[in-house]
């Protein structure tokens, strides 16, 4: 249950594009498509290629929603 709050936060952004930084320094930007109690799935689009990225909640350091009013 310690990550329940984080899971609920990500559910608000399902279908939207987010930028995620992991504890290992990886940067991922994609559309939130799947949320479980352990991980979030992003669809990254780079040019004509798409990639599915699965990130465990324990590995996520920060999440930024680029089009959020708080970021303007």
PDB file of N, CA and C in Angstrom:
ATOM      1  N   UNK A   1       0.776  -1.212   0.000  1.00  0.00           N
ATOM      2  CA  UNK A   1       0.000   0.000   0.000  1.00  0.00           C
ATOM      3  C   UNK A   1       0.824   1.287   0.000  1.00  0.00           C
ATOM      4  N   UNK A   2       2.123   1.260   0.243  1.00  0.00           N
ATOM      5  CA  UNK A   2       2.847   2.526   0.318  1.00  0.00           C
ATOM      6  C   UNK A   2       2.882   3.289  -1.009  1.00  0.00           C
ATOM      7  N   UNK A   3       2.675   2.623  -2.130  1.00  0.00           N
ATOM      8  CA  UNK A   3       2.720   3.285  -3.427  1.00  0.00           C
ATOM      9  C   UNK A   3       1.329   3.566  -3.988  1.00  0.00           C
ATOM     10  N   UNK A   4       0.294   3.351  -3.196  1.00  0.00           N
ATOM     11  CA  UNK A   4      -1.084   3.559  -3.640  1.00  0.00           C
ATOM     12  C   UNK A   4      -1.324   5.012  -4.063  1.00  0.00           C
ATOM     13  N   UNK A   5      -0.767   5.955  -3.307  1.00  0.00           N
ATOM     14  CA  UNK A   5      -0.944   7.369  -3.637  1.00  0.00           C
ATOM     15  C   UNK A   5      -0.330   7.679  -5.002  1.00  0.00           C
ATOM     16  N   UNK A   6       0.832   7.133  -5.266  1.00  0.00           N
ATOM     17  CA  UNK A   6       1.515   7.346  -6.540  1.00  0.00           C
ATOM     18  C   UNK A   6       0.718   6.723  -7.690  1.00  0.00           C
ATOM     19  N   UNK A   7       0.188   5.542  -7.458  1.00  0.00           N
ATOM     20  CA  UNK A   7      -0.628   4.870  -8.469  1.00  0.00           C
ATOM     21  C   UNK A   7      -1.859   5.717  -8.799  1.00  0.00           C
ATOM     22  N   UNK A   8      -2.517   6.241  -7.788  1.00  0.00           N
ATOM     23  CA  UNK A   8      -3.700   7.080  -8.001  1.00  0.00           C
ATOM     24  C   UNK A   8      -3.345   8.356  -8.767  1.00  0.00           C
ATOM     25  N   UNK A   9      -2.189   8.918  -8.479  1.00  0.00           N
ATOM     26  CA  UNK A   9      -1.742  10.113  -9.178  1.00  0.00           C
ATOM     27  C   UNK A   9      -1.561   9.823 -10.672  1.00  0.00           C
ATOM     28  N   UNK A  10      -0.942   8.702 -10.998  1.00  0.00           N
ATOM     29  CA  UNK A  10      -0.734   8.349 -12.401  1.00  0.00           C
ATOM     30  C   UNK A  10      -2.053   8.077 -13.118  1.00  0.00           C
ATOM     31  N   UNK A  11      -3.041   7.564 -12.413  1.00  0.00           N
ATOM     32  CA  UNK A  11      -4.345   7.303 -13.035  1.00  0.00           C
ATOM     33  C   UNK A  11      -4.975   8.593 -13.550  1.00  0.00           C
ATOM     34  N   UNK A  12      -4.689   9.711 -12.908  1.00  0.00           N
ATOM     35  CA  UNK A  12      -5.208  11.002 -13.369  1.00  0.00           C
ATOM     36  C   UNK A  12      -4.682  11.355 -14.751  1.00  0.00           C
ATOM     37  N   UNK A  13      -3.496  10.869 -15.077  1.00  0.00           N
ATOM     38  CA  UNK A  13      -2.846  11.232 -16.329  1.00  0.00           C
ATOM     39  C   UNK A  13      -2.904  10.141 -17.384  1.00  0.00           C
ATOM     40  N   UNK A  14      -3.744   9.139 -17.195  1.00  0.00           N
ATOM     41  CA  UNK A  14      -3.864   8.071 -18.186  1.00  0.00           C
ATOM     42  C   UNK A  14      -4.307   8.677 -19.520  1.00  0.00           C
ATOM     43  N   UNK A  15      -3.593   8.327 -20.584  1.00  0.00           N
ATOM     44  CA  UNK A  15      -3.878   8.848 -21.910  1.00  0.00           C
ATOM     45  C   UNK A  15      -3.139  10.132 -22.235  1.00  0.00           C
ATOM     46  N   UNK A  16      -2.483  10.720 -21.241  1.00  0.00           N
ATOM     47  CA  UNK A  16      -1.732  11.946 -21.460  1.00  0.00           C
ATOM     48  C   UNK A  16      -0.241  11.651 -21.535  1.00  0.00           C
ATOM     49  N   UNK A  17       0.500  12.603 -22.074  1.00  0.00           N
ATOM     50  CA  UNK A  17       1.943  12.461 -22.172  1.00  0.00           C
ATOM     51  C   UNK A  17       2.600  12.948 -20.892  1.00  0.00           C
ATOM     52  N   UNK A  18       3.528  12.145 -20.377  1.00  0.00           N
ATOM     53  CA  UNK A  18       4.288  12.506 -19.182  1.00  0.00           C
ATOM     54  C   UNK A  18       5.766  12.258 -19.444  1.00  0.00           C
ATOM     55  N   UNK A  19       6.603  12.932 -18.682  1.00  0.00           N
ATOM     56  CA  UNK A  19       8.045  12.706 -18.710  1.00  0.00           C
ATOM     57  C   UNK A  19       8.425  12.081 -17.372  1.00  0.00           C
ATOM     58  N   UNK A  20       9.159  10.983 -17.410  1.00  0.00           N
ATOM     59  CA  UNK A  20       9.518  10.244 -16.198  1.00  0.00           C
ATOM     60  C   UNK A  20      11.033  10.143 -16.098  1.00  0.00           C
ATOM     61  N   UNK A  21      11.556  10.431 -14.916  1.00  0.00           N
ATOM     62  CA  UNK A  21      12.982  10.241 -14.639  1.00  0.00           C
ATOM     63  C   UNK A  21      13.099   9.097 -13.638  1.00  0.00           C
ATOM     64  N   UNK A  22      13.998   8.153 -13.927  1.00  0.00           N
ATOM     65  CA  UNK A  22      14.181   7.013 -13.036  1.00  0.00           C
ATOM     66  C   UNK A  22      15.369   7.250 -12.107  1.00  0.00           C
ATOM     67  N   UNK A  23      15.460   6.452 -11.072  1.00  0.00           N
ATOM     68  CA  UNK A  23      16.556   6.562 -10.111  1.00  0.00           C
ATOM     69  C   UNK A  23      17.911   6.305 -10.774  1.00  0.00           C
ATOM     70  N   UNK A  24      17.920   5.516 -11.835  1.00  0.00           N
ATOM     71  CA  UNK A  24      19.177   5.219 -12.532  1.00  0.00           C
ATOM     72  C   UNK A  24      19.569   6.313 -13.523  1.00  0.00           C
ATOM     73  N   UNK A  25      18.724   7.339 -13.657  1.00  0.00           N
ATOM     74  CA  UNK A  25      19.040   8.448 -14.544  1.00  0.00           C
ATOM     75  C   UNK A  25      18.389   8.375 -15.906  1.00  0.00           C
ATOM     76  N   UNK A  26      17.600   7.356 -16.156  1.00  0.00           N
ATOM     77  CA  UNK A  26      16.915   7.247 -17.443  1.00  0.00           C
ATOM     78  C   UNK A  26      15.800   8.268 -17.561  1.00  0.00           C
ATOM     79  N   UNK A  27      15.608   8.788 -18.762  1.00  0.00           N
ATOM     80  CA  UNK A  27      14.538   9.739 -19.037  1.00  0.00           C
ATOM     81  C   UNK A  27      13.608   9.134 -20.076  1.00  0.00           C
ATOM     82  N   UNK A  28      12.328   9.111 -19.776  1.00  0.00           N
ATOM     83  CA  UNK A  28      11.337   8.532 -20.677  1.00  0.00           C
ATOM     84  C   UNK A  28      10.199   9.523 -20.837  1.00  0.00           C
ATOM     85  N   UNK A  29       9.724   9.682 -22.062  1.00  0.00           N
ATOM     86  CA  UNK A  29       8.574  10.529 -22.317  1.00  0.00           C
ATOM     87  C   UNK A  29       7.613   9.757 -23.192  1.00  0.00           C
ATOM     88  N   UNK A  30       6.383   9.644 -22.740  1.00  0.00           N
ATOM     89  CA  UNK A  30       5.406   8.896 -23.509  1.00  0.00           C
ATOM     90  C   UNK A  30       4.018   9.038 -22.939  1.00  0.00           C
ATOM     91  N   UNK A  31       3.078   8.407 -23.612  1.00  0.00           N
ATOM     92  CA  UNK A  31       1.674   8.455 -23.214  1.00  0.00           C
ATOM     93  C   UNK A  31       1.406   7.305 -22.239  1.00  0.00           C
ATOM     94  N   UNK A  32       0.757   7.618 -21.126  1.00  0.00           N
ATOM     95  CA  UNK A  32       0.425   6.612 -20.110  1.00  0.00           C
ATOM     96  C   UNK A  32      -0.701   5.744 -20.661  1.00  0.00           C
ATOM     97  N   UNK A  33      -0.449   4.442 -20.769  1.00  0.00           N
ATOM     98  CA  UNK A  33      -1.469   3.555 -21.337  1.00  0.00           C
ATOM     99  C   UNK A  33      -1.962   2.493 -20.371  1.00  0.00           C
ATOM    100  N   UNK A  34      -1.137   2.067 -19.445  1.00  0.00           N
ATOM    101  CA  UNK A  34      -1.509   0.994 -18.513  1.00  0.00           C
ATOM    102  C   UNK A  34      -0.948   1.326 -17.137  1.00  0.00           C
ATOM    103  N   UNK A  35      -1.773   1.087 -16.127  1.00  0.00           N
ATOM    104  CA  UNK A  35      -1.345   1.328 -14.752  1.00  0.00           C
ATOM    105  C   UNK A  35      -1.782   0.131 -13.918  1.00  0.00           C
ATOM    106  N   UNK A  36      -0.839  -0.469 -13.218  1.00  0.00           N
ATOM    107  CA  UNK A  36      -1.161  -1.568 -12.298  1.00  0.00           C
ATOM    108  C   UNK A  36      -0.671  -1.171 -10.912  1.00  0.00           C
ATOM    109  N   UNK A  37      -0.750  -2.091  -9.975  1.00  0.00           N
ATOM    110  CA  UNK A  37      -0.261  -1.772  -8.632  1.00  0.00           C
ATOM    111  C   UNK A  37       1.260  -1.879  -8.528  1.00  0.00           C
ATOM    112  N   UNK A  38       1.950  -2.302  -9.603  1.00  0.00           N
ATOM    113  CA  UNK A  38       3.412  -2.441  -9.598  1.00  0.00           C
ATOM    114  C   UNK A  38       4.144  -1.563 -10.610  1.00  0.00           C
ATOM    115  N   UNK A  39       3.493  -1.284 -11.746  1.00  0.00           N
ATOM    116  CA  UNK A  39       4.207  -0.579 -12.810  1.00  0.00           C
ATOM    117  C   UNK A  39       3.268   0.306 -13.613  1.00  0.00           C
ATOM    118  N   UNK A  40       3.877   1.163 -14.421  1.00  0.00           N
ATOM    119  CA  UNK A  40       3.159   1.986 -15.389  1.00  0.00           C
ATOM    120  C   UNK A  40       3.749   1.684 -16.765  1.00  0.00           C
ATOM    121  N   UNK A  41       2.901   1.656 -17.774  1.00  0.00           N
ATOM    122  CA  UNK A  41       3.359   1.439 -19.140  1.00  0.00           C
ATOM    123  C   UNK A  41       3.219   2.749 -19.913  1.00  0.00           C
ATOM    124  N   UNK A  42       4.277   3.118 -20.604  1.00  0.00           N
ATOM    125  CA  UNK A  42       4.278   4.291 -21.468  1.00  0.00           C
ATOM    126  C   UNK A  42       4.462   3.839 -22.905  1.00  0.00           C
ATOM    127  N   UNK A  43       3.844   4.563 -23.829  1.00  0.00           N
ATOM    128  CA  UNK A  43       4.110   4.361 -25.254  1.00  0.00           C
ATOM    129  C   UNK A  43       4.934   5.562 -25.704  1.00  0.00           C
ATOM    130  N   UNK A  44       6.194   5.297 -26.053  1.00  0.00           N
ATOM    131  CA  UNK A  44       7.090   6.338 -26.541  1.00  0.00           C
ATOM    132  C   UNK A  44       7.006   6.391 -28.065  1.00  0.00           C
ATOM    133  N   UNK A  45       6.951   7.597 -28.609  1.00  0.00           N
ATOM    134  CA  UNK A  45       6.933   7.776 -30.054  1.00  0.00           C
ATOM    135  C   UNK A  45       8.145   8.608 -30.435  1.00  0.00           C
ATOM    136  N   UNK A  46       8.989   8.038 -31.269  1.00  0.00           N
ATOM    137  CA  UNK A  46      10.186   8.730 -31.770  1.00  0.00           C
ATOM    138  C   UNK A  46      10.201   8.598 -33.273  1.00  0.00           C
ATOM    139  N   UNK A  47       9.830   9.687 -33.926  1.00  0.00           N
ATOM    140  CA  UNK A  47       9.715   9.630 -35.378  1.00  0.00           C
ATOM    141  C   UNK A  47       8.575   8.722 -35.763  1.00  0.00           C
ATOM    142  N   UNK A  48       8.879   7.699 -36.538  1.00  0.00           N
ATOM    143  CA  UNK A  48       7.858   6.743 -36.948  1.00  0.00           C
ATOM    144  C   UNK A  48       7.842   5.496 -36.068  1.00  0.00           C
ATOM    145  N   UNK A  49       8.798   5.387 -35.149  1.00  0.00           N
ATOM    146  CA  UNK A  49       8.892   4.217 -34.282  1.00  0.00           C
ATOM    147  C   UNK A  49       8.129   4.439 -32.978  1.00  0.00           C
ATOM    148  N   UNK A  50       7.530   3.378 -32.488  1.00  0.00           N
ATOM    149  CA  UNK A  50       6.908   3.417 -31.162  1.00  0.00           C
ATOM    150  C   UNK A  50       7.526   2.315 -30.315  1.00  0.00           C
ATOM    151  N   UNK A  51       7.588   2.579 -29.020  1.00  0.00           N
ATOM    152  CA  UNK A  51       8.141   1.588 -28.094  1.00  0.00           C
ATOM    153  C   UNK A  51       7.295   1.551 -26.840  1.00  0.00           C
ATOM    154  N   UNK A  52       7.075   0.348 -26.327  1.00  0.00           N
ATOM    155  CA  UNK A  52       6.375   0.180 -25.056  1.00  0.00           C
ATOM    156  C   UNK A  52       7.427   0.134 -23.959  1.00  0.00           C
ATOM    157  N   UNK A  53       7.238   0.964 -22.939  1.00  0.00           N
ATOM    158  CA  UNK A  53       8.182   1.031 -21.825  1.00  0.00           C
ATOM    159  C   UNK A  53       7.422   0.732 -20.539  1.00  0.00           C
ATOM    160  N   UNK A  54       7.926  -0.226 -19.763  1.00  0.00           N
ATOM    161  CA  UNK A  54       7.330  -0.577 -18.480  1.00  0.00           C
ATOM    162  C   UNK A  54       8.251  -0.085 -17.378  1.00  0.00           C
ATOM    163  N   UNK A  55       7.722   0.717 -16.465  1.00  0.00           N
ATOM    164  CA  UNK A  55       8.520   1.265 -15.366  1.00  0.00           C
ATOM    165  C   UNK A  55       7.911   0.856 -14.031  1.00  0.00           C
ATOM    166  N   UNK A  56       8.733   0.218 -13.209  1.00  0.00           N
ATOM    167  CA  UNK A  56       8.285  -0.120 -11.853  1.00  0.00           C
ATOM    168  C   UNK A  56       8.225   1.147 -11.024  1.00  0.00           C
ATOM    169  N   UNK A  57       7.224   1.248 -10.168  1.00  0.00           N
ATOM    170  CA  UNK A  57       7.082   2.441  -9.329  1.00  0.00           C
ATOM    171  C   UNK A  57       8.327   2.678  -8.470  1.00  0.00           C
ATOM    172  N   UNK A  58       8.947   1.607  -7.984  1.00  0.00           N
ATOM    173  CA  UNK A  58      10.125   1.739  -7.128  1.00  0.00           C
ATOM    174  C   UNK A  58      11.296   2.378  -7.867  1.00  0.00           C
ATOM    175  N   UNK A  59      11.290   2.340  -9.197  1.00  0.00           N
ATOM    176  CA  UNK A  59      12.399   2.876  -9.996  1.00  0.00           C
ATOM    177  C   UNK A  59      12.184   4.336 -10.398  1.00  0.00           C
ATOM    178  N   UNK A  60      10.990   4.879 -10.153  1.00  0.00           N
ATOM    179  CA  UNK A  60      10.665   6.231 -10.606  1.00  0.00           C
ATOM    180  C   UNK A  60      11.079   7.266  -9.566  1.00  0.00           C
ATOM    181  N   UNK A  61      11.837   8.256 -10.027  1.00  0.00           N
ATOM    182  CA  UNK A  61      12.257   9.355  -9.148  1.00  0.00           C
ATOM    183  C   UNK A  61      11.298  10.536  -9.250  1.00  0.00           C
ATOM    184  N   UNK A  62      10.905  10.883 -10.484  1.00  0.00           N
ATOM    185  CA  UNK A  62       9.999  12.022 -10.650  1.00  0.00           C
ATOM    186  C   UNK A  62       9.175  11.879 -11.917  1.00  0.00           C
ATOM    187  N   UNK A  63       8.023  12.572 -11.922  1.00  0.00           N
ATOM    188  CA  UNK A  63       7.119  12.582 -13.063  1.00  0.00           C
ATOM    189  C   UNK A  63       6.762  14.026 -13.361  1.00  0.00           C
ATOM    190  N   UNK A  64       6.844  14.413 -14.624  1.00  0.00           N
ATOM    191  CA  UNK A  64       6.494  15.757 -15.054  1.00  0.00           C
ATOM    192  C   UNK A  64       5.424  15.651 -16.124  1.00  0.00           C
ATOM    193  N   UNK A  65       4.366  16.425 -15.976  1.00  0.00           N
ATOM    194  CA  UNK A  65       3.310  16.485 -16.981  1.00  0.00           C
ATOM    195  C   UNK A  65       3.522  17.773 -17.760  1.00  0.00           C
ATOM    196  N   UNK A  66       4.067  17.690 -18.988  1.00  0.00           N
ATOM    197  CA  UNK A  66       4.475  18.893 -19.732  1.00  0.00           C
ATOM    198  C   UNK A  66       3.371  19.927 -19.958  1.00  0.00           C
ATOM    199  N   UNK A  67       2.135  19.518 -20.172  1.00  0.00           N
ATOM    200  CA  UNK A  67       1.071  20.471 -20.474  1.00  0.00           C
ATOM    201  C   UNK A  67       0.250  20.841 -19.255  1.00  0.00           C
ATOM    202  N   UNK A  68       0.753  20.562 -18.073  1.00  0.00           N
ATOM    203  CA  UNK A  68       0.041  20.884 -16.840  1.00  0.00           C
ATOM    204  C   UNK A  68       0.066  22.385 -16.573  1.00  0.00           C
ATOM    205  N   UNK A  69      -1.023  22.969 -16.067  1.00  0.00           N
ATOM    206  CA  UNK A  69      -1.046  24.392 -15.735  1.00  0.00           C
ATOM    207  C   UNK A  69       0.027  24.770 -14.712  1.00  0.00           C
ATOM    208  N   UNK A  70       0.440  23.845 -13.891  1.00  0.00           N
ATOM    209  CA  UNK A  70       1.470  24.113 -12.893  1.00  0.00           C
ATOM    210  C   UNK A  70       2.843  24.343 -13.530  1.00  0.00           C
ATOM    211  N   UNK A  71       3.026  23.903 -14.770  1.00  0.00           N
ATOM    212  CA  UNK A  71       4.311  24.027 -15.455  1.00  0.00           C
ATOM    213  C   UNK A  71       4.368  25.239 -16.386  1.00  0.00           C
ATOM    214  N   UNK A  72       3.363  26.067 -16.343  1.00  0.00           N
ATOM    215  CA  UNK A  72       3.341  27.240 -17.238  1.00  0.00           C
ATOM    216  C   UNK A  72       3.837  28.461 -16.534  1.00  0.00           C
TER     217      UNK A  72
END
